[in-house]
Amino acid sequence: AIGYIGSALALGIGVYLLPRAGYAA
């Protein structure tokens, strides 16, 4: 269950960084 907080964190990282810095970031 706590592991899925990591999933939410991963999504948050992607939502924030993808449009600003791209996939490599």
PDB file of all heavy atoms in Angstrom:
ATOM      1  N   ALA A   1       0.828  -1.210   0.000  1.00  0.00           N
ATOM      2  CA  ALA A   1       0.000   0.000   0.000  1.00  0.00           C
ATOM      3  C   ALA A   1       0.861   1.258   0.000  1.00  0.00           C
ATOM      4  O   ALA A   1       0.621   2.193  -0.774  1.00  0.00           O
ATOM      5  CB  ALA A   1      -0.925  -0.017   1.217  1.00  0.00           C
ATOM      6  N   ILE A   2       1.882   1.303   0.872  1.00  0.00           N
ATOM      7  CA  ILE A   2       2.784   2.456   0.892  1.00  0.00           C
ATOM      8  C   ILE A   2       3.548   2.544  -0.425  1.00  0.00           C
ATOM      9  O   ILE A   2       3.862   3.629  -0.920  1.00  0.00           O
ATOM     10  CB  ILE A   2       3.762   2.348   2.077  1.00  0.00           C
ATOM     11  CG1 ILE A   2       3.002   2.431   3.404  1.00  0.00           C
ATOM     12  CG2 ILE A   2       4.823   3.443   2.010  1.00  0.00           C
ATOM     13  CD1 ILE A   2       2.263   3.730   3.625  1.00  0.00           C
ATOM     14  N   GLY A   3       3.819   1.379  -1.008  1.00  0.00           N
ATOM     15  CA  GLY A   3       4.497   1.373  -2.294  1.00  0.00           C
ATOM     16  C   GLY A   3       3.746   2.158  -3.346  1.00  0.00           C
ATOM     17  O   GLY A   3       4.363   2.796  -4.220  1.00  0.00           O
ATOM     18  N   TYR A   4       2.421   2.151  -3.267  1.00  0.00           N
ATOM     19  CA  TYR A   4       1.653   2.872  -4.276  1.00  0.00           C
ATOM     20  C   TYR A   4       1.730   4.379  -4.101  1.00  0.00           C
ATOM     21  O   TYR A   4       1.389   5.135  -5.009  1.00  0.00           O
ATOM     22  CB  TYR A   4       0.210   2.369  -4.300  1.00  0.00           C
ATOM     23  CG  TYR A   4       0.138   1.028  -4.991  1.00  0.00           C
ATOM     24  CD1 TYR A   4      -0.131  -0.136  -4.283  1.00  0.00           C
ATOM     25  CD2 TYR A   4       0.407   0.917  -6.349  1.00  0.00           C
ATOM     26  CE1 TYR A   4      -0.157  -1.374  -4.913  1.00  0.00           C
ATOM     27  CE2 TYR A   4       0.392  -0.312  -6.989  1.00  0.00           C
ATOM     28  CZ  TYR A   4       0.108  -1.450  -6.260  1.00  0.00           C
ATOM     29  OH  TYR A   4       0.100  -2.661  -6.891  1.00  0.00           O
ATOM     30  N   ILE A   5       2.213   4.829  -2.938  1.00  0.00           N
ATOM     31  CA  ILE A   5       2.547   6.254  -2.820  1.00  0.00           C
ATOM     32  C   ILE A   5       3.710   6.564  -3.761  1.00  0.00           C
ATOM     33  O   ILE A   5       3.785   7.642  -4.356  1.00  0.00           O
ATOM     34  CB  ILE A   5       2.903   6.607  -1.360  1.00  0.00           C
ATOM     35  CG1 ILE A   5       1.676   6.394  -0.459  1.00  0.00           C
ATOM     36  CG2 ILE A   5       3.398   8.044  -1.260  1.00  0.00           C
ATOM     37  CD1 ILE A   5       1.953   6.623   1.009  1.00  0.00           C
ATOM     38  N   GLY A   6       4.613   5.584  -3.911  1.00  0.00           N
ATOM     39  CA  GLY A   6       5.690   5.738  -4.885  1.00  0.00           C
ATOM     40  C   GLY A   6       5.157   5.852  -6.301  1.00  0.00           C
ATOM     41  O   GLY A   6       5.709   6.595  -7.130  1.00  0.00           O
ATOM     42  N   SER A   7       4.087   5.129  -6.588  1.00  0.00           N
ATOM     43  CA  SER A   7       3.462   5.253  -7.905  1.00  0.00           C
ATOM     44  C   SER A   7       2.905   6.660  -8.109  1.00  0.00           C
ATOM     45  O   SER A   7       3.072   7.259  -9.173  1.00  0.00           O
ATOM     46  CB  SER A   7       2.335   4.226  -8.038  1.00  0.00           C
ATOM     47  OG  SER A   7       2.824   2.914  -7.932  1.00  0.00           O
ATOM     48  N   ALA A   8       2.236   7.179  -7.073  1.00  0.00           N
ATOM     49  CA  ALA A   8       1.703   8.536  -7.162  1.00  0.00           C
ATOM     50  C   ALA A   8       2.833   9.551  -7.303  1.00  0.00           C
ATOM     51  O   ALA A   8       2.726  10.524  -8.068  1.00  0.00           O
ATOM     52  CB  ALA A   8       0.860   8.849  -5.923  1.00  0.00           C
ATOM     53  N   LEU A   9       3.935   9.313  -6.578  1.00  0.00           N
ATOM     54  CA  LEU A   9       5.092  10.196  -6.697  1.00  0.00           C
ATOM     55  C   LEU A   9       5.655  10.170  -8.109  1.00  0.00           C
ATOM     56  O   LEU A   9       6.004  11.214  -8.681  1.00  0.00           O
ATOM     57  CB  LEU A   9       6.164   9.768  -5.691  1.00  0.00           C
ATOM     58  CG  LEU A   9       7.514  10.499  -5.776  1.00  0.00           C
ATOM     59  CD1 LEU A   9       7.333  11.980  -5.468  1.00  0.00           C
ATOM     60  CD2 LEU A   9       8.520   9.865  -4.821  1.00  0.00           C
ATOM     61  N   ALA A  10       5.744   8.961  -8.689  1.00  0.00           N
ATOM     62  CA  ALA A  10       6.247   8.834 -10.062  1.00  0.00           C
ATOM     63  C   ALA A  10       5.369   9.596 -11.037  1.00  0.00           C
ATOM     64  O   ALA A  10       5.870  10.283 -11.951  1.00  0.00           O
ATOM     65  CB  ALA A  10       6.327   7.360 -10.453  1.00  0.00           C
ATOM     66  N   LEU A  11       4.053   9.491 -10.869  1.00  0.00           N
ATOM     67  CA  LEU A  11       3.142  10.245 -11.733  1.00  0.00           C
ATOM     68  C   LEU A  11       3.334  11.739 -11.553  1.00  0.00           C
ATOM     69  O   LEU A  11       3.342  12.508 -12.527  1.00  0.00           O
ATOM     70  CB  LEU A  11       1.697   9.872 -11.427  1.00  0.00           C
ATOM     71  CG  LEU A  11       1.159   8.585 -12.026  1.00  0.00           C
ATOM     72  CD1 LEU A  11      -0.280   8.378 -11.581  1.00  0.00           C
ATOM     73  CD2 LEU A  11       1.235   8.619 -13.548  1.00  0.00           C
ATOM     74  N   GLY A  12       3.472  12.175 -10.303  1.00  0.00           N
ATOM     75  CA  GLY A  12       3.669  13.593 -10.036  1.00  0.00           C
ATOM     76  C   GLY A  12       4.931  14.128 -10.681  1.00  0.00           C
ATOM     77  O   GLY A  12       4.946  15.236 -11.247  1.00  0.00           O
ATOM     78  N   ILE A  13       6.002  13.345 -10.601  1.00  0.00           N
ATOM     79  CA  ILE A  13       7.258  13.738 -11.250  1.00  0.00           C
ATOM     80  C   ILE A  13       7.048  13.904 -12.750  1.00  0.00           C
ATOM     81  O   ILE A  13       7.496  14.879 -13.360  1.00  0.00           O
ATOM     82  CB  ILE A  13       8.355  12.693 -10.961  1.00  0.00           C
ATOM     83  CG1 ILE A  13       8.786  12.785  -9.494  1.00  0.00           C
ATOM     84  CG2 ILE A  13       9.553  12.878 -11.892  1.00  0.00           C
ATOM     85  CD1 ILE A  13       9.707  11.664  -9.052  1.00  0.00           C
ATOM     86  N   GLY A  14       6.351  12.932 -13.355  1.00  0.00           N
ATOM     87  CA  GLY A  14       6.114  13.004 -14.788  1.00  0.00           C
ATOM     88  C   GLY A  14       5.226  14.162 -15.182  1.00  0.00           C
ATOM     89  O   GLY A  14       5.514  14.878 -16.166  1.00  0.00           O
ATOM     90  N   VAL A  15       4.151  14.372 -14.437  1.00  0.00           N
ATOM     91  CA  VAL A  15       3.224  15.466 -14.752  1.00  0.00           C
ATOM     92  C   VAL A  15       3.929  16.809 -14.686  1.00  0.00           C
ATOM     93  O   VAL A  15       3.706  17.699 -15.521  1.00  0.00           O
ATOM     94  CB  VAL A  15       2.013  15.429 -13.792  1.00  0.00           C
ATOM     95  CG1 VAL A  15       1.200  16.713 -13.899  1.00  0.00           C
ATOM     96  CG2 VAL A  15       1.135  14.227 -14.088  1.00  0.00           C
ATOM     97  N   TYR A  16       4.802  16.973 -13.697  1.00  0.00           N
ATOM     98  CA  TYR A  16       5.485  18.262 -13.547  1.00  0.00           C
ATOM     99  C   TYR A  16       6.621  18.433 -14.553  1.00  0.00           C
ATOM    100  O   TYR A  16       6.745  19.479 -15.207  1.00  0.00           O
ATOM    101  CB  TYR A  16       6.032  18.403 -12.127  1.00  0.00           C
ATOM    102  CG  TYR A  16       6.764  19.707 -11.908  1.00  0.00           C
ATOM    103  CD1 TYR A  16       6.052  20.891 -11.692  1.00  0.00           C
ATOM    104  CD2 TYR A  16       8.155  19.765 -11.959  1.00  0.00           C
ATOM    105  CE1 TYR A  16       6.726  22.103 -11.517  1.00  0.00           C
ATOM    106  CE2 TYR A  16       8.829  20.964 -11.783  1.00  0.00           C
ATOM    107  CZ  TYR A  16       8.108  22.127 -11.565  1.00  0.00           C
ATOM    108  OH  TYR A  16       8.769  23.320 -11.402  1.00  0.00           O
ATOM    109  N   LEU A  17       7.461  17.428 -14.699  1.00  0.00           N
ATOM    110  CA  LEU A  17       8.689  17.583 -15.494  1.00  0.00           C
ATOM    111  C   LEU A  17       8.509  17.355 -16.986  1.00  0.00           C
ATOM    112  O   LEU A  17       9.213  17.973 -17.796  1.00  0.00           O
ATOM    113  CB  LEU A  17       9.774  16.635 -14.974  1.00  0.00           C
ATOM    114  CG  LEU A  17      10.488  17.031 -13.688  1.00  0.00           C
ATOM    115  CD1 LEU A  17      11.526  15.976 -13.325  1.00  0.00           C
ATOM    116  CD2 LEU A  17      11.162  18.384 -13.832  1.00  0.00           C
ATOM    117  N   LEU A  18       7.600  16.453 -17.376  1.00  0.00           N
ATOM    118  CA  LEU A  18       7.511  16.087 -18.791  1.00  0.00           C
ATOM    119  C   LEU A  18       7.263  17.288 -19.701  1.00  0.00           C
ATOM    120  O   LEU A  18       7.989  17.480 -20.689  1.00  0.00           O
ATOM    121  CB  LEU A  18       6.440  15.011 -18.984  1.00  0.00           C
ATOM    122  CG  LEU A  18       6.371  14.382 -20.372  1.00  0.00           C
ATOM    123  CD1 LEU A  18       7.723  13.766 -20.758  1.00  0.00           C
ATOM    124  CD2 LEU A  18       5.280  13.317 -20.416  1.00  0.00           C
ATOM    125  N   PRO A  19       6.267  18.134 -19.413  1.00  0.00           N
ATOM    126  CA  PRO A  19       6.058  19.272 -20.318  1.00  0.00           C
ATOM    127  C   PRO A  19       7.132  20.352 -20.197  1.00  0.00           C
ATOM    128  O   PRO A  19       7.268  21.189 -21.091  1.00  0.00           O
ATOM    129  CB  PRO A  19       4.688  19.812 -19.886  1.00  0.00           C
ATOM    130  CG  PRO A  19       4.540  19.382 -18.471  1.00  0.00           C
ATOM    131  CD  PRO A  19       5.237  18.068 -18.363  1.00  0.00           C
ATOM    132  N   ARG A  20       7.883  20.343 -19.112  1.00  0.00           N
ATOM    133  CA  ARG A  20       8.879  21.393 -18.870  1.00  0.00           C
ATOM    134  C   ARG A  20      10.285  21.002 -19.314  1.00  0.00           C
ATOM    135  O   ARG A  20      11.060  21.849 -19.771  1.00  0.00           O
ATOM    136  CB  ARG A  20       8.903  21.754 -17.377  1.00  0.00           C
ATOM    137  CG  ARG A  20       7.633  22.414 -16.881  1.00  0.00           C
ATOM    138  CD  ARG A  20       7.621  22.549 -15.363  1.00  0.00           C
ATOM    139  NE  ARG A  20       6.470  23.315 -14.890  1.00  0.00           N
ATOM    140  CZ  ARG A  20       5.263  22.807 -14.705  1.00  0.00           C
ATOM    141  NH1 ARG A  20       5.046  21.515 -14.960  1.00  0.00           N
ATOM    142  NH2 ARG A  20       4.280  23.566 -14.281  1.00  0.00           N
ATOM    143  N   ALA A  21      10.626  19.721 -19.142  1.00  0.00           N
ATOM    144  CA  ALA A  21      12.022  19.329 -19.379  1.00  0.00           C
ATOM    145  C   ALA A  21      12.186  18.079 -20.220  1.00  0.00           C
ATOM    146  O   ALA A  21      13.307  17.742 -20.593  1.00  0.00           O
ATOM    147  CB  ALA A  21      12.730  19.151 -18.032  1.00  0.00           C
ATOM    148  N   GLY A  22      11.103  17.349 -20.507  1.00  0.00           N
ATOM    149  CA  GLY A  22      11.189  16.182 -21.367  1.00  0.00           C
ATOM    150  C   GLY A  22      11.424  14.880 -20.622  1.00  0.00           C
ATOM    151  O   GLY A  22      11.586  14.843 -19.391  1.00  0.00           O
ATOM    152  N   TYR A  23      11.457  13.807 -21.396  1.00  0.00           N
ATOM    153  CA  TYR A  23      11.514  12.467 -20.820  1.00  0.00           C
ATOM    154  C   TYR A  23      12.820  12.180 -20.078  1.00  0.00           C
ATOM    155  O   TYR A  23      12.816  11.518 -19.040  1.00  0.00           O
ATOM    156  CB  TYR A  23      11.306  11.421 -21.919  1.00  0.00           C
ATOM    157  CG  TYR A  23       9.863  11.177 -22.263  1.00  0.00           C
ATOM    158  CD1 TYR A  23       9.272  11.818 -23.338  1.00  0.00           C
ATOM    159  CD2 TYR A  23       9.087  10.300 -21.508  1.00  0.00           C
ATOM    160  CE1 TYR A  23       7.933  11.590 -23.664  1.00  0.00           C
ATOM    161  CE2 TYR A  23       7.759  10.069 -21.818  1.00  0.00           C
ATOM    162  CZ  TYR A  23       7.188  10.718 -22.897  1.00  0.00           C
ATOM    163  OH  TYR A  23       5.866  10.487 -23.200  1.00  0.00           O
ATOM    164  N   ALA A  24      13.952  12.638 -20.612  1.00  0.00           N
ATOM    165  CA  ALA A  24      15.231  12.343 -19.962  1.00  0.00           C
ATOM    166  C   ALA A  24      15.247  12.877 -18.533  1.00  0.00           C
ATOM    167  O   ALA A  24      15.718  12.201 -17.597  1.00  0.00           O
ATOM    168  CB  ALA A  24      16.384  12.928 -20.769  1.00  0.00           C
ATOM    169  N   ALA A  25      14.711  14.080 -18.341  1.00  0.00           N
ATOM    170  CA  ALA A  25      14.655  14.664 -17.001  1.00  0.00           C
ATOM    171  C   ALA A  25      13.729  13.866 -16.094  1.00  0.00           C
ATOM    172  O   ALA A  25      14.003  13.700 -14.894  1.00  0.00           O
ATOM    173  CB  ALA A  25      14.192  16.120 -17.084  1.00  0.00           C
TER     174      ALA A  25
END
